[in-house]
Amino acid sequence: MSLIPWLRWNEAPSRLSSRSPAEMVLETLMMELAGQMREAERQQRERSNAVRKVCTGVDYSWLASTPRPTYDLSPGERLQLEDVCAKIHPSYCGPAILRFRQLMAEQEPEVQEVSRLFRSVLQEVLERMKQEEEAHKLTRQWSLRPRGSLATFKTRARISPFASDIRTISEDVERDAQPPLRTWSMPEFRAPKTD
């Protein structure tokens, strides 16, 4: 029995801890993209085999070996996606992956469309990050405002609920008084009195 796997297992934590959180997020998101591309390609291959089986009536899938991936990202597209992934905060990495998986399950895209879908998820996450950061700035600014202005407002405005000069609806009903005439901007709708 070889001890090499055990030695590699002991080396892994020191190698992982030397990477920054941004590098780990980048690697995690790109691994998720690669895995989803492989899965989409496998599903696409299965669909085409099923169509071929229906058309020909013969199943030769047992004869074929597993083919190599036929679609890969261009270097420019990979760099653009890595640039966007590097902007994702570590706390948003998990929700981004969950959203990407959800869209993949709902849409079942072709292999060529997976990177476009991944990019749209990353843009959603960046927008959410930006909105939450702006909301956090606003709440921070609100909490830093001087509180003296509210205290001066309280001393200036005093409301006495038991003042006798305030008319209420119940007083009008109790006294059986007629309501005051409407202002000039509103027409008065009253039926003419007949004697």
N, C-alpha and C. Protein backbone atom coordinates (compact mmCIF):
# COMPACT_ATOMS: atom_id res chain seq x y z
N MET A 1 0.85 -1.18 0.00
CA MET A 1 0.00 0.00 0.00
C MET A 1 0.89 1.24 0.00
N SER A 2 0.57 2.15 -0.89
CA SER A 2 1.38 3.35 -1.04
C SER A 2 0.90 4.45 -0.08
N LEU A 3 1.85 5.23 0.42
CA LEU A 3 1.51 6.35 1.32
C LEU A 3 1.45 7.68 0.58
N ILE A 4 1.65 7.67 -0.73
CA ILE A 4 1.67 8.92 -1.49
C ILE A 4 0.34 9.67 -1.39
N PRO A 5 -0.83 9.02 -1.51
CA PRO A 5 -2.07 9.78 -1.36
C PRO A 5 -2.19 10.45 0.01
N TRP A 6 -1.73 9.78 1.05
CA TRP A 6 -1.79 10.37 2.39
C TRP A 6 -0.87 11.57 2.50
N LEU A 7 0.28 11.49 1.89
CA LEU A 7 1.21 12.62 1.93
C LEU A 7 0.64 13.81 1.17
N ARG A 8 0.00 13.54 0.03
CA ARG A 8 -0.62 14.64 -0.73
C ARG A 8 -1.78 15.24 0.04
N TRP A 9 -2.53 14.42 0.77
CA TRP A 9 -3.65 14.93 1.54
C TRP A 9 -3.15 15.89 2.62
N ASN A 10 -2.00 15.59 3.22
CA ASN A 10 -1.45 16.46 4.25
C ASN A 10 -0.91 17.76 3.67
N GLU A 11 -0.50 17.75 2.40
CA GLU A 11 0.03 18.97 1.78
C GLU A 11 -1.08 19.91 1.35
N ALA A 12 -2.24 19.41 1.06
CA ALA A 12 -3.31 20.21 0.48
C ALA A 12 -3.72 21.42 1.34
N PRO A 13 -3.92 21.30 2.65
CA PRO A 13 -4.35 22.47 3.42
C PRO A 13 -3.36 23.62 3.38
N SER A 14 -2.07 23.34 3.40
CA SER A 14 -1.09 24.44 3.35
C SER A 14 -1.14 25.14 2.00
N ARG A 15 -1.38 24.37 0.94
CA ARG A 15 -1.44 24.98 -0.39
C ARG A 15 -2.72 25.80 -0.54
N LEU A 16 -3.83 25.31 0.02
CA LEU A 16 -5.09 26.02 -0.08
C LEU A 16 -5.10 27.30 0.74
N SER A 17 -4.49 27.29 1.89
CA SER A 17 -4.52 28.46 2.76
C SER A 17 -3.69 29.61 2.23
N SER A 18 -2.77 29.35 1.30
CA SER A 18 -1.94 30.43 0.78
C SER A 18 -2.65 31.24 -0.29
N ARG A 19 -3.78 30.75 -0.79
CA ARG A 19 -4.52 31.49 -1.82
C ARG A 19 -5.45 32.51 -1.18
N SER A 20 -5.65 33.61 -1.89
CA SER A 20 -6.55 34.65 -1.39
C SER A 20 -8.01 34.22 -1.64
N PRO A 21 -8.94 34.83 -0.92
CA PRO A 21 -10.36 34.49 -1.14
C PRO A 21 -10.81 34.79 -2.57
N ALA A 22 -10.28 35.84 -3.17
CA ALA A 22 -10.66 36.17 -4.55
C ALA A 22 -10.21 35.07 -5.51
N GLU A 23 -9.02 34.53 -5.30
CA GLU A 23 -8.53 33.44 -6.15
C GLU A 23 -9.39 32.19 -5.97
N MET A 24 -9.80 31.92 -4.74
CA MET A 24 -10.62 30.75 -4.48
C MET A 24 -12.00 30.90 -5.12
N VAL A 25 -12.57 32.11 -5.06
CA VAL A 25 -13.86 32.36 -5.70
C VAL A 25 -13.73 32.18 -7.21
N LEU A 26 -12.67 32.74 -7.78
CA LEU A 26 -12.43 32.63 -9.21
C LEU A 26 -12.33 31.16 -9.63
N GLU A 27 -11.54 30.40 -8.90
CA GLU A 27 -11.35 28.99 -9.24
C GLU A 27 -12.64 28.20 -9.07
N THR A 28 -13.39 28.48 -8.00
CA THR A 28 -14.64 27.76 -7.76
C THR A 28 -15.66 28.04 -8.86
N LEU A 29 -15.81 29.31 -9.23
CA LEU A 29 -16.78 29.66 -10.27
C LEU A 29 -16.38 29.09 -11.63
N MET A 30 -15.11 29.13 -11.95
CA MET A 30 -14.67 28.60 -13.25
C MET A 30 -14.80 27.07 -13.28
N MET A 31 -14.56 26.41 -12.14
CA MET A 31 -14.76 24.95 -12.09
C MET A 31 -16.24 24.61 -12.26
N GLU A 32 -17.11 25.42 -11.67
CA GLU A 32 -18.54 25.21 -11.83
C GLU A 32 -18.95 25.37 -13.30
N LEU A 33 -18.41 26.38 -13.96
CA LEU A 33 -18.70 26.59 -15.38
C LEU A 33 -18.23 25.39 -16.20
N ALA A 34 -17.02 24.93 -15.96
CA ALA A 34 -16.50 23.79 -16.71
C ALA A 34 -17.35 22.54 -16.47
N GLY A 35 -17.75 22.31 -15.24
CA GLY A 35 -18.58 21.15 -14.93
C GLY A 35 -19.95 21.23 -15.60
N GLN A 36 -20.54 22.41 -15.59
CA GLN A 36 -21.85 22.57 -16.23
C GLN A 36 -21.74 22.44 -17.75
N MET A 37 -20.60 22.88 -18.32
CA MET A 37 -20.41 22.72 -19.76
C MET A 37 -20.29 21.24 -20.12
N ARG A 38 -19.55 20.48 -19.30
CA ARG A 38 -19.44 19.04 -19.55
C ARG A 38 -20.81 18.36 -19.45
N GLU A 39 -21.57 18.75 -18.44
CA GLU A 39 -22.90 18.16 -18.26
C GLU A 39 -23.82 18.51 -19.43
N ALA A 40 -23.78 19.76 -19.88
CA ALA A 40 -24.62 20.17 -21.01
C ALA A 40 -24.22 19.42 -22.27
N GLU A 41 -22.90 19.21 -22.45
CA GLU A 41 -22.43 18.46 -23.62
C GLU A 41 -22.88 17.00 -23.54
N ARG A 42 -22.85 16.43 -22.34
CA ARG A 42 -23.29 15.04 -22.17
C ARG A 42 -24.77 14.92 -22.48
N GLN A 43 -25.57 15.85 -21.98
CA GLN A 43 -27.01 15.82 -22.25
C GLN A 43 -27.30 16.00 -23.74
N GLN A 44 -26.55 16.90 -24.36
CA GLN A 44 -26.72 17.13 -25.79
C GLN A 44 -26.38 15.86 -26.58
N ARG A 45 -25.33 15.19 -26.18
CA ARG A 45 -24.92 13.94 -26.84
C ARG A 45 -25.98 12.85 -26.65
N GLU A 46 -26.55 12.78 -25.42
CA GLU A 46 -27.60 11.80 -25.16
C GLU A 46 -28.85 12.07 -25.99
N ARG A 47 -29.20 13.36 -26.12
CA ARG A 47 -30.36 13.71 -26.93
C ARG A 47 -30.14 13.33 -28.40
N SER A 48 -28.94 13.63 -28.91
CA SER A 48 -28.68 13.29 -30.32
C SER A 48 -28.64 11.77 -30.52
N ASN A 49 -28.12 11.01 -29.53
CA ASN A 49 -28.13 9.55 -29.63
C ASN A 49 -29.56 9.01 -29.61
N ALA A 50 -30.41 9.61 -28.79
CA ALA A 50 -31.80 9.16 -28.72
C ALA A 50 -32.51 9.42 -30.05
N VAL A 51 -32.24 10.60 -30.64
CA VAL A 51 -32.84 10.92 -31.94
C VAL A 51 -32.34 9.95 -33.00
N ARG A 52 -31.04 9.68 -32.97
CA ARG A 52 -30.45 8.75 -33.95
C ARG A 52 -31.04 7.35 -33.77
N LYS A 53 -31.25 6.95 -32.52
CA LYS A 53 -31.81 5.62 -32.25
C LYS A 53 -33.23 5.51 -32.78
N VAL A 54 -34.01 6.59 -32.60
CA VAL A 54 -35.38 6.59 -33.10
C VAL A 54 -35.40 6.55 -34.63
N CYS A 55 -34.48 7.33 -35.24
CA CYS A 55 -34.45 7.38 -36.71
C CYS A 55 -33.98 6.07 -37.33
N THR A 56 -32.93 5.46 -36.78
CA THR A 56 -32.37 4.24 -37.37
C THR A 56 -32.97 2.97 -36.80
N GLY A 57 -33.48 3.03 -35.57
CA GLY A 57 -34.04 1.85 -34.95
C GLY A 57 -32.99 0.94 -34.33
N VAL A 58 -31.71 1.35 -34.34
CA VAL A 58 -30.64 0.52 -33.82
C VAL A 58 -29.85 1.34 -32.79
N ASP A 59 -29.43 0.69 -31.69
CA ASP A 59 -28.66 1.36 -30.64
C ASP A 59 -27.23 0.86 -30.67
N TYR A 60 -26.30 1.74 -31.09
CA TYR A 60 -24.88 1.40 -31.10
C TYR A 60 -24.11 2.10 -29.98
N SER A 61 -24.82 2.61 -28.98
CA SER A 61 -24.16 3.37 -27.92
C SER A 61 -23.18 2.51 -27.12
N TRP A 62 -23.43 1.24 -27.00
CA TRP A 62 -22.53 0.36 -26.26
C TRP A 62 -21.20 0.20 -26.97
N LEU A 63 -21.18 0.47 -28.28
CA LEU A 63 -19.98 0.30 -29.07
C LEU A 63 -19.07 1.53 -29.01
N ALA A 64 -19.65 2.69 -28.77
CA ALA A 64 -18.88 3.94 -28.80
C ALA A 64 -18.20 4.18 -27.45
N SER A 65 -17.02 4.73 -27.51
CA SER A 65 -16.33 5.13 -26.28
C SER A 65 -16.72 6.57 -25.96
N THR A 66 -16.42 6.98 -24.74
CA THR A 66 -16.78 8.34 -24.33
C THR A 66 -15.93 9.33 -25.11
N PRO A 67 -16.57 10.21 -25.88
CA PRO A 67 -15.79 11.16 -26.69
C PRO A 67 -15.22 12.29 -25.84
N ARG A 68 -14.18 12.91 -26.38
CA ARG A 68 -13.59 14.06 -25.70
C ARG A 68 -14.51 15.27 -25.88
N PRO A 69 -14.43 16.22 -24.98
CA PRO A 69 -15.27 17.41 -25.13
C PRO A 69 -14.97 18.11 -26.46
N THR A 70 -16.03 18.50 -27.14
CA THR A 70 -15.84 19.14 -28.44
C THR A 70 -15.89 20.65 -28.37
N TYR A 71 -16.47 21.19 -27.30
CA TYR A 71 -16.59 22.64 -27.20
C TYR A 71 -15.74 23.15 -26.05
N ASP A 72 -14.99 24.21 -26.28
CA ASP A 72 -14.20 24.84 -25.24
C ASP A 72 -14.27 26.35 -25.42
N LEU A 73 -14.10 27.07 -24.35
CA LEU A 73 -14.13 28.53 -24.41
C LEU A 73 -12.90 29.05 -25.14
N SER A 74 -13.09 30.15 -25.85
CA SER A 74 -11.93 30.79 -26.48
C SER A 74 -11.11 31.47 -25.38
N PRO A 75 -9.81 31.68 -25.59
CA PRO A 75 -9.00 32.32 -24.55
C PRO A 75 -9.51 33.71 -24.17
N GLY A 76 -9.99 34.47 -25.15
CA GLY A 76 -10.52 35.81 -24.84
C GLY A 76 -11.76 35.75 -23.98
N GLU A 77 -12.66 34.84 -24.31
CA GLU A 77 -13.89 34.70 -23.53
C GLU A 77 -13.58 34.20 -22.12
N ARG A 78 -12.62 33.28 -22.00
CA ARG A 78 -12.22 32.78 -20.69
C ARG A 78 -11.66 33.91 -19.83
N LEU A 79 -10.82 34.77 -20.42
CA LEU A 79 -10.25 35.89 -19.66
C LEU A 79 -11.33 36.87 -19.22
N GLN A 80 -12.30 37.13 -20.10
CA GLN A 80 -13.39 38.04 -19.72
C GLN A 80 -14.20 37.46 -18.57
N LEU A 81 -14.50 36.18 -18.64
CA LEU A 81 -15.26 35.55 -17.55
C LEU A 81 -14.46 35.54 -16.25
N GLU A 82 -13.16 35.28 -16.35
CA GLU A 82 -12.33 35.30 -15.15
C GLU A 82 -12.27 36.70 -14.54
N ASP A 83 -12.26 37.72 -15.39
CA ASP A 83 -12.25 39.10 -14.90
C ASP A 83 -13.53 39.41 -14.13
N VAL A 84 -14.66 38.95 -14.66
CA VAL A 84 -15.94 39.18 -13.96
C VAL A 84 -15.99 38.36 -12.68
N CYS A 85 -15.51 37.12 -12.72
CA CYS A 85 -15.51 36.27 -11.52
C CYS A 85 -14.66 36.87 -10.41
N ALA A 86 -13.58 37.54 -10.78
CA ALA A 86 -12.69 38.13 -9.77
C ALA A 86 -13.37 39.27 -9.01
N LYS A 87 -14.43 39.84 -9.57
CA LYS A 87 -15.14 40.95 -8.91
C LYS A 87 -16.18 40.45 -7.91
N ILE A 88 -16.48 39.17 -7.93
CA ILE A 88 -17.51 38.61 -7.06
C ILE A 88 -16.96 38.47 -5.64
N HIS A 89 -17.70 38.98 -4.68
CA HIS A 89 -17.31 38.86 -3.27
C HIS A 89 -17.52 37.41 -2.83
N PRO A 90 -16.67 36.89 -1.95
CA PRO A 90 -16.80 35.49 -1.52
C PRO A 90 -18.17 35.12 -0.95
N SER A 91 -18.85 36.05 -0.30
CA SER A 91 -20.16 35.73 0.27
C SER A 91 -21.23 35.55 -0.80
N TYR A 92 -20.96 36.00 -2.02
CA TYR A 92 -21.93 35.86 -3.12
C TYR A 92 -21.61 34.68 -4.02
N CYS A 93 -20.55 33.97 -3.75
CA CYS A 93 -20.13 32.85 -4.59
C CYS A 93 -21.17 31.73 -4.55
N GLY A 94 -21.60 31.34 -3.38
CA GLY A 94 -22.58 30.27 -3.25
C GLY A 94 -23.91 30.60 -3.91
N PRO A 95 -24.50 31.80 -3.63
CA PRO A 95 -25.74 32.15 -4.32
C PRO A 95 -25.59 32.22 -5.84
N ALA A 96 -24.43 32.65 -6.33
CA ALA A 96 -24.21 32.69 -7.78
C ALA A 96 -24.24 31.28 -8.37
N ILE A 97 -23.60 30.34 -7.69
CA ILE A 97 -23.59 28.96 -8.18
C ILE A 97 -25.00 28.37 -8.14
N LEU A 98 -25.74 28.63 -7.07
CA LEU A 98 -27.10 28.11 -6.98
C LEU A 98 -27.99 28.68 -8.08
N ARG A 99 -27.86 29.97 -8.34
CA ARG A 99 -28.67 30.61 -9.40
C ARG A 99 -28.30 30.03 -10.77
N PHE A 100 -27.01 29.81 -11.00
CA PHE A 100 -26.54 29.25 -12.27
C PHE A 100 -27.10 27.84 -12.46
N ARG A 101 -27.05 27.03 -11.42
CA ARG A 101 -27.59 25.66 -11.50
C ARG A 101 -29.09 25.68 -11.73
N GLN A 102 -29.78 26.60 -11.08
CA GLN A 102 -31.22 26.71 -11.27
C GLN A 102 -31.56 27.04 -12.72
N LEU A 103 -30.86 28.02 -13.30
CA LEU A 103 -31.11 28.38 -14.70
C LEU A 103 -30.74 27.24 -15.65
N MET A 104 -29.67 26.53 -15.34
CA MET A 104 -29.28 25.39 -16.18
C MET A 104 -30.37 24.31 -16.16
N ALA A 105 -30.94 24.06 -14.99
CA ALA A 105 -31.99 23.04 -14.89
C ALA A 105 -33.27 23.49 -15.59
N GLU A 106 -33.59 24.79 -15.50
CA GLU A 106 -34.81 25.29 -16.13
C GLU A 106 -34.70 25.33 -17.65
N GLN A 107 -33.57 25.80 -18.16
CA GLN A 107 -33.46 26.06 -19.59
C GLN A 107 -32.85 24.92 -20.39
N GLU A 108 -32.04 24.09 -19.77
CA GLU A 108 -31.32 23.01 -20.46
C GLU A 108 -30.69 23.53 -21.76
N PRO A 109 -29.74 24.46 -21.65
CA PRO A 109 -29.18 25.09 -22.86
C PRO A 109 -28.20 24.18 -23.59
N GLU A 110 -27.91 24.55 -24.83
CA GLU A 110 -26.87 23.88 -25.60
C GLU A 110 -25.52 24.27 -25.01
N VAL A 111 -24.48 23.54 -25.35
CA VAL A 111 -23.14 23.79 -24.79
C VAL A 111 -22.67 25.21 -25.11
N GLN A 112 -22.95 25.68 -26.30
CA GLN A 112 -22.48 27.00 -26.72
C GLN A 112 -23.16 28.12 -25.94
N GLU A 113 -24.33 27.86 -25.36
CA GLU A 113 -25.07 28.90 -24.64
C GLU A 113 -24.74 28.96 -23.16
N VAL A 114 -24.00 27.98 -22.65
CA VAL A 114 -23.73 27.90 -21.21
C VAL A 114 -22.92 29.10 -20.74
N SER A 115 -21.91 29.50 -21.50
CA SER A 115 -21.07 30.63 -21.06
C SER A 115 -21.87 31.93 -21.05
N ARG A 116 -22.80 32.09 -21.99
CA ARG A 116 -23.65 33.29 -22.02
C ARG A 116 -24.55 33.31 -20.79
N LEU A 117 -25.10 32.17 -20.44
CA LEU A 117 -25.95 32.06 -19.26
C LEU A 117 -25.15 32.34 -17.98
N PHE A 118 -23.93 31.82 -17.94
CA PHE A 118 -23.05 32.05 -16.80
C PHE A 118 -22.73 33.54 -16.64
N ARG A 119 -22.46 34.19 -17.76
CA ARG A 119 -22.16 35.62 -17.73
C ARG A 119 -23.36 36.42 -17.22
N SER A 120 -24.56 36.04 -17.64
CA SER A 120 -25.76 36.76 -17.17
C SER A 120 -25.95 36.59 -15.67
N VAL A 121 -25.66 35.40 -15.15
CA VAL A 121 -25.77 35.18 -13.70
C VAL A 121 -24.76 36.04 -12.96
N LEU A 122 -23.53 36.11 -13.48
CA LEU A 122 -22.51 36.94 -12.83
C LEU A 122 -22.91 38.41 -12.85
N GLN A 123 -23.52 38.87 -13.93
CA GLN A 123 -23.96 40.26 -14.00
C GLN A 123 -25.08 40.52 -12.99
N GLU A 124 -25.99 39.57 -12.83
CA GLU A 124 -27.04 39.69 -11.81
C GLU A 124 -26.43 39.84 -10.42
N VAL A 125 -25.44 39.00 -10.14
CA VAL A 125 -24.81 39.02 -8.81
C VAL A 125 -24.09 40.35 -8.59
N LEU A 126 -23.39 40.84 -9.61
CA LEU A 126 -22.70 42.12 -9.48
C LEU A 126 -23.70 43.26 -9.24
N GLU A 127 -24.84 43.23 -9.92
CA GLU A 127 -25.87 44.25 -9.70
C GLU A 127 -26.41 44.18 -8.28
N ARG A 128 -26.66 42.96 -7.79
CA ARG A 128 -27.15 42.80 -6.42
C ARG A 128 -26.11 43.31 -5.42
N MET A 129 -24.84 43.00 -5.68
CA MET A 129 -23.77 43.48 -4.79
C MET A 129 -23.77 45.01 -4.76
N LYS A 130 -23.90 45.62 -5.93
CA LYS A 130 -23.87 47.07 -6.03
C LYS A 130 -25.06 47.69 -5.30
N GLN A 131 -26.26 47.10 -5.47
CA GLN A 131 -27.44 47.62 -4.79
C GLN A 131 -27.32 47.50 -3.27
N GLU A 132 -26.83 46.37 -2.81
CA GLU A 132 -26.70 46.19 -1.36
C GLU A 132 -25.61 47.09 -0.78
N GLU A 133 -24.57 47.35 -1.57
CA GLU A 133 -23.53 48.26 -1.10
C GLU A 133 -24.07 49.68 -1.00
N GLU A 134 -24.88 50.11 -1.98
CA GLU A 134 -25.47 51.45 -1.93
C GLU A 134 -26.44 51.56 -0.76
N ALA A 135 -27.23 50.52 -0.53
CA ALA A 135 -28.16 50.54 0.60
C ALA A 135 -27.39 50.60 1.92
N HIS A 136 -26.28 49.88 1.98
CA HIS A 136 -25.46 49.91 3.20
C HIS A 136 -24.88 51.30 3.42
N LYS A 137 -24.44 51.95 2.33
CA LYS A 137 -23.90 53.32 2.46
C LYS A 137 -24.98 54.27 2.96
N LEU A 138 -26.20 54.13 2.43
CA LEU A 138 -27.29 55.01 2.87
C LEU A 138 -27.61 54.80 4.34
N THR A 139 -27.66 53.56 4.78
CA THR A 139 -27.97 53.33 6.20
C THR A 139 -26.83 53.81 7.09
N ARG A 140 -25.61 53.69 6.58
CA ARG A 140 -24.47 54.19 7.36
C ARG A 140 -24.53 55.72 7.46
N GLN A 141 -24.87 56.39 6.34
CA GLN A 141 -24.98 57.84 6.36
C GLN A 141 -26.12 58.27 7.28
N TRP A 142 -27.24 57.54 7.26
CA TRP A 142 -28.37 57.89 8.11
C TRP A 142 -28.01 57.73 9.57
N SER A 143 -27.24 56.70 9.90
CA SER A 143 -26.89 56.49 11.30
C SER A 143 -25.86 57.52 11.78
N LEU A 144 -25.13 58.15 10.87
CA LEU A 144 -24.14 59.16 11.25
C LEU A 144 -24.70 60.56 11.30
N ARG A 145 -25.96 60.77 10.91
CA ARG A 145 -26.56 62.10 10.93
C ARG A 145 -26.70 62.59 12.37
N PRO A 146 -26.61 63.91 12.58
CA PRO A 146 -26.81 64.43 13.94
C PRO A 146 -28.25 64.26 14.37
N ARG A 147 -28.44 63.85 15.58
CA ARG A 147 -29.77 63.58 16.09
C ARG A 147 -30.40 64.81 16.76
N GLY A 148 -29.69 65.91 16.86
CA GLY A 148 -30.20 67.10 17.52
C GLY A 148 -31.34 67.75 16.77
N SER A 149 -31.40 67.61 15.45
CA SER A 149 -32.45 68.25 14.67
C SER A 149 -33.82 67.68 15.02
N LEU A 150 -33.90 66.41 15.32
CA LEU A 150 -35.16 65.80 15.70
C LEU A 150 -35.58 66.29 17.08
N ALA A 151 -34.63 66.48 17.97
CA ALA A 151 -34.95 66.96 19.32
C ALA A 151 -35.48 68.39 19.26
N THR A 152 -34.91 69.24 18.42
CA THR A 152 -35.41 70.61 18.31
C THR A 152 -36.80 70.63 17.69
N PHE A 153 -37.08 69.72 16.81
CA PHE A 153 -38.41 69.65 16.22
C PHE A 153 -39.44 69.28 17.28
N LYS A 154 -39.09 68.38 18.17
CA LYS A 154 -40.02 67.95 19.21
C LYS A 154 -40.39 69.12 20.14
N THR A 155 -39.45 69.97 20.44
CA THR A 155 -39.74 71.06 21.36
C THR A 155 -40.58 72.14 20.70
N ARG A 156 -40.44 72.32 19.40
CA ARG A 156 -41.19 73.37 18.71
C ARG A 156 -42.64 72.97 18.48
N ALA A 157 -42.91 71.77 18.14
CA ALA A 157 -44.26 71.36 17.80
C ALA A 157 -44.88 70.61 18.97
N ARG A 158 -45.89 71.21 19.54
CA ARG A 158 -46.60 70.56 20.63
C ARG A 158 -48.06 70.41 20.23
N ILE A 159 -48.54 69.21 20.41
CA ILE A 159 -49.91 68.92 20.03
C ILE A 159 -50.68 68.58 21.30
N SER A 160 -51.79 69.28 21.48
CA SER A 160 -52.63 69.01 22.63
C SER A 160 -53.90 68.33 22.13
N PRO A 161 -54.09 67.07 22.46
CA PRO A 161 -55.26 66.35 21.92
C PRO A 161 -56.58 66.78 22.54
N PHE A 162 -56.54 67.47 23.66
CA PHE A 162 -57.78 67.85 24.34
C PHE A 162 -58.13 69.31 24.14
N ALA A 163 -57.60 69.93 23.10
CA ALA A 163 -57.91 71.33 22.84
C ALA A 163 -59.36 71.46 22.41
N SER A 164 -60.01 72.52 22.86
CA SER A 164 -61.44 72.67 22.58
C SER A 164 -61.70 73.28 21.21
N ASP A 165 -60.72 73.88 20.58
CA ASP A 165 -60.96 74.52 19.29
C ASP A 165 -60.85 73.56 18.11
N ILE A 166 -60.55 72.30 18.35
CA ILE A 166 -60.47 71.31 17.28
C ILE A 166 -61.82 70.64 17.13
N ARG A 167 -62.40 70.78 15.94
CA ARG A 167 -63.71 70.19 15.70
C ARG A 167 -63.54 68.76 15.22
N THR A 168 -64.41 67.89 15.66
CA THR A 168 -64.38 66.49 15.25
C THR A 168 -65.71 66.13 14.60
N ILE A 169 -65.76 65.02 13.93
CA ILE A 169 -66.98 64.57 13.28
C ILE A 169 -68.04 64.23 14.32
N SER A 170 -67.60 63.65 15.41
CA SER A 170 -68.58 63.27 16.44
C SER A 170 -69.26 64.49 17.04
N GLU A 171 -68.56 65.61 17.18
CA GLU A 171 -69.18 66.84 17.69
C GLU A 171 -70.26 67.32 16.73
N ASP A 172 -69.97 67.24 15.40
CA ASP A 172 -70.96 67.67 14.42
C ASP A 172 -72.21 66.80 14.49
N VAL A 173 -72.04 65.52 14.65
CA VAL A 173 -73.18 64.61 14.71
C VAL A 173 -73.95 64.84 16.00
N GLU A 174 -73.24 64.99 17.10
CA GLU A 174 -73.90 65.17 18.39
C GLU A 174 -74.68 66.47 18.43
N ARG A 175 -74.13 67.54 17.89
CA ARG A 175 -74.79 68.84 17.93
C ARG A 175 -75.81 69.00 16.81
N ASP A 176 -75.82 68.07 15.88
CA ASP A 176 -76.70 68.12 14.72
C ASP A 176 -76.48 69.42 13.96
N ALA A 177 -75.23 69.81 13.94
CA ALA A 177 -74.87 71.06 13.25
C ALA A 177 -74.63 70.77 11.79
N GLN A 178 -74.86 71.79 11.02
CA GLN A 178 -74.61 71.64 9.60
C GLN A 178 -73.10 71.81 9.36
N PRO A 179 -72.57 71.02 8.44
CA PRO A 179 -71.14 71.17 8.15
C PRO A 179 -70.88 72.51 7.48
N PRO A 180 -69.70 73.02 7.61
CA PRO A 180 -69.40 74.32 6.99
C PRO A 180 -69.47 74.21 5.47
N LEU A 181 -69.71 75.36 4.85
CA LEU A 181 -69.80 75.37 3.39
C LEU A 181 -68.46 75.01 2.79
N ARG A 182 -68.54 74.47 1.61
CA ARG A 182 -67.32 74.06 0.91
C ARG A 182 -66.56 75.29 0.45
N THR A 183 -65.30 75.09 0.16
CA THR A 183 -64.48 76.20 -0.33
C THR A 183 -64.86 76.51 -1.76
N TRP A 184 -64.38 77.61 -2.26
CA TRP A 184 -64.73 78.05 -3.60
C TRP A 184 -64.23 77.10 -4.68
N SER A 185 -63.18 76.35 -4.42
CA SER A 185 -62.64 75.47 -5.46
C SER A 185 -63.50 74.24 -5.69
N MET A 186 -64.35 73.91 -4.72
CA MET A 186 -65.21 72.73 -4.86
C MET A 186 -66.67 73.18 -4.97
N PRO A 187 -67.39 72.65 -5.94
CA PRO A 187 -68.81 73.03 -6.04
C PRO A 187 -69.62 72.40 -4.91
N GLU A 188 -70.69 73.05 -4.56
CA GLU A 188 -71.53 72.53 -3.49
C GLU A 188 -72.68 71.75 -4.12
N PHE A 189 -72.86 70.52 -3.68
CA PHE A 189 -73.90 69.67 -4.22
C PHE A 189 -74.99 69.50 -3.16
N ARG A 190 -76.01 70.31 -3.27
CA ARG A 190 -77.14 70.19 -2.36
C ARG A 190 -78.43 70.24 -3.18
N ALA A 191 -79.36 69.49 -2.72
CA ALA A 191 -80.66 69.50 -3.40
C ALA A 191 -81.43 70.76 -2.96
N PRO A 192 -82.16 71.36 -3.87
CA PRO A 192 -82.95 72.55 -3.47
C PRO A 192 -84.03 72.16 -2.47
N LYS A 193 -84.27 73.06 -1.54
CA LYS A 193 -85.28 72.81 -0.50
C LYS A 193 -86.68 73.05 -1.08
N THR A 194 -87.56 72.14 -0.79
CA THR A 194 -88.95 72.30 -1.23
C THR A 194 -89.81 72.47 0.02
N ASP A 195 -90.68 73.48 0.00
CA ASP A 195 -91.55 73.72 1.16
C ASP A 195 -92.92 73.14 0.97
